[in-house]
Amino acid sequence: MRIDDDKESTKYSYICDICGKGYSNNRTCSICNADICHGCTRLDPRSIGDYPEKFCIDCFNVGKKYLDLICIEQEKFDVLVENLEQEWRGEAIKMSKARQKKN
């Protein structure tokens, strides 16, 4: 929720949709797009880097079971990708050796 009152907006630009407190830097929930203050923000535990996804407390709590399932499926996917890349490298090495024998 954006504050339109000039006097108040010099101090705070936003009102947290979760707790109602004012805060100055724009932060929104990645799921429901609620404006959220620092105290009501939960970071995506899967995120790596400087800009992790941010969730409001409510969406984070609802999403815990989904995050766990996503992590399990991501691990399976990572193993599948790794196996396919190893297979690809193996075939490429065979092709390279066969080409070297011809020359």
Protein backbone atom coordinates (compact mmCIF):
# COMPACT_ATOMS: atom_id res chain seq x y z
CA MET A 1 0.00 0.00 0.00
CA ARG A 2 1.48 3.36 -1.04
CA ILE A 3 1.27 6.38 1.27
CA ASP A 4 0.06 9.57 -0.43
CA ASP A 5 0.34 11.93 2.54
CA ASP A 6 3.33 14.22 1.80
CA LYS A 7 4.24 14.68 5.47
CA GLU A 8 4.29 10.94 6.17
CA SER A 9 5.84 10.00 2.81
CA THR A 10 9.02 11.92 3.62
CA LYS A 11 9.63 9.38 6.34
CA TYR A 12 8.03 6.27 4.81
CA SER A 13 7.00 5.55 1.24
CA TYR A 14 5.16 2.29 1.84
CA ILE A 15 2.89 0.62 4.39
CA CYS A 16 3.39 -3.09 4.97
CA ASP A 17 0.31 -5.06 3.90
CA ILE A 18 1.05 -7.65 6.60
CA CYS A 19 1.78 -5.66 9.78
CA GLY A 20 0.77 -2.12 8.81
CA LYS A 21 4.15 -0.52 9.62
CA GLY A 22 5.68 2.11 7.36
CA TYR A 23 8.92 1.41 5.54
CA SER A 24 11.01 3.24 2.96
CA ASN A 25 12.32 0.79 0.35
CA ASN A 26 10.06 -1.02 -2.07
CA ARG A 27 9.80 -4.74 -1.36
CA THR A 28 7.02 -6.98 -2.61
CA CYS A 29 6.15 -10.63 -2.09
CA SER A 30 7.10 -12.77 -5.10
CA ILE A 31 3.88 -14.78 -4.74
CA CYS A 32 1.04 -12.38 -3.83
CA ASN A 33 2.74 -9.03 -4.63
CA ALA A 34 1.93 -7.62 -1.18
CA ASP A 35 4.08 -4.70 -0.03
CA ILE A 36 6.18 -6.07 2.83
CA CYS A 37 8.52 -4.51 5.36
CA HIS A 38 11.83 -6.07 6.39
CA GLY A 39 10.29 -7.73 9.44
CA CYS A 40 7.57 -9.46 7.41
CA THR A 41 9.96 -10.61 4.67
CA ARG A 42 11.20 -14.17 4.34
CA LEU A 43 13.90 -15.02 1.79
CA ASP A 44 13.74 -18.00 -0.53
CA PRO A 45 16.11 -20.54 1.07
CA ARG A 46 16.92 -21.93 -2.40
CA SER A 47 18.22 -18.60 -3.66
CA ILE A 48 21.87 -18.05 -4.24
CA GLY A 49 23.29 -14.61 -4.93
CA ASP A 50 22.59 -11.01 -4.18
CA TYR A 51 18.90 -10.90 -5.07
CA PRO A 52 16.97 -13.78 -3.49
CA GLU A 53 13.23 -13.99 -4.00
CA LYS A 54 11.26 -12.43 -1.18
CA PHE A 55 8.04 -13.74 0.32
CA CYS A 56 5.63 -12.35 2.88
CA ILE A 57 5.29 -14.41 6.06
CA ASP A 58 1.93 -15.82 4.98
CA CYS A 59 3.06 -17.00 1.54
CA PHE A 60 6.29 -18.39 3.00
CA ASN A 61 4.38 -20.43 5.59
CA VAL A 62 1.96 -21.76 2.96
CA GLY A 63 4.88 -22.51 0.67
CA LYS A 64 7.07 -24.49 3.09
CA LYS A 65 5.67 -27.81 1.90
CA TYR A 66 6.07 -26.74 -1.72
CA LEU A 67 9.63 -25.54 -1.18
CA ASP A 68 10.53 -28.93 0.30
CA LEU A 69 8.98 -30.75 -2.67
CA ILE A 70 10.62 -28.37 -5.13
CA CYS A 71 14.03 -29.04 -3.52
CA ILE A 72 13.53 -32.81 -3.81
CA GLU A 73 12.51 -32.55 -7.47
CA GLN A 74 15.36 -30.12 -8.19
CA GLU A 75 17.86 -32.63 -6.81
CA LYS A 76 16.42 -35.35 -9.05
CA PHE A 77 16.58 -33.00 -12.03
CA ASP A 78 20.18 -32.03 -11.24
CA VAL A 79 21.18 -35.72 -11.15
CA LEU A 80 19.42 -36.36 -14.47
CA VAL A 81 21.14 -33.37 -16.10
CA GLU A 82 24.52 -34.44 -14.74
CA ASN A 83 24.05 -37.99 -16.09
CA LEU A 84 23.03 -36.68 -19.52
CA GLU A 85 26.02 -34.33 -19.64
CA GLN A 86 28.37 -37.20 -18.73
CA GLU A 87 26.82 -39.34 -21.47
CA TRP A 88 27.22 -36.47 -23.94
CA ARG A 89 30.90 -36.01 -22.97
CA GLY A 90 31.50 -39.76 -23.30
CA GLU A 91 30.06 -39.84 -26.83
CA ALA A 92 31.97 -36.70 -27.80
CA ILE A 93 35.25 -38.20 -26.55
CA LYS A 94 34.61 -41.41 -28.55
CA MET A 95 33.91 -39.32 -31.66
CA SER A 96 37.05 -37.27 -31.10
CA LYS A 97 39.20 -40.39 -30.69
CA ALA A 98 37.71 -41.92 -33.84
CA ARG A 99 38.44 -38.71 -35.77
CA GLN A 100 42.04 -38.70 -34.48
CA LYS A 101 42.54 -42.31 -35.68
CA LYS A 102 41.40 -41.31 -39.19
CA ASN A 103 43.98 -38.52 -39.31
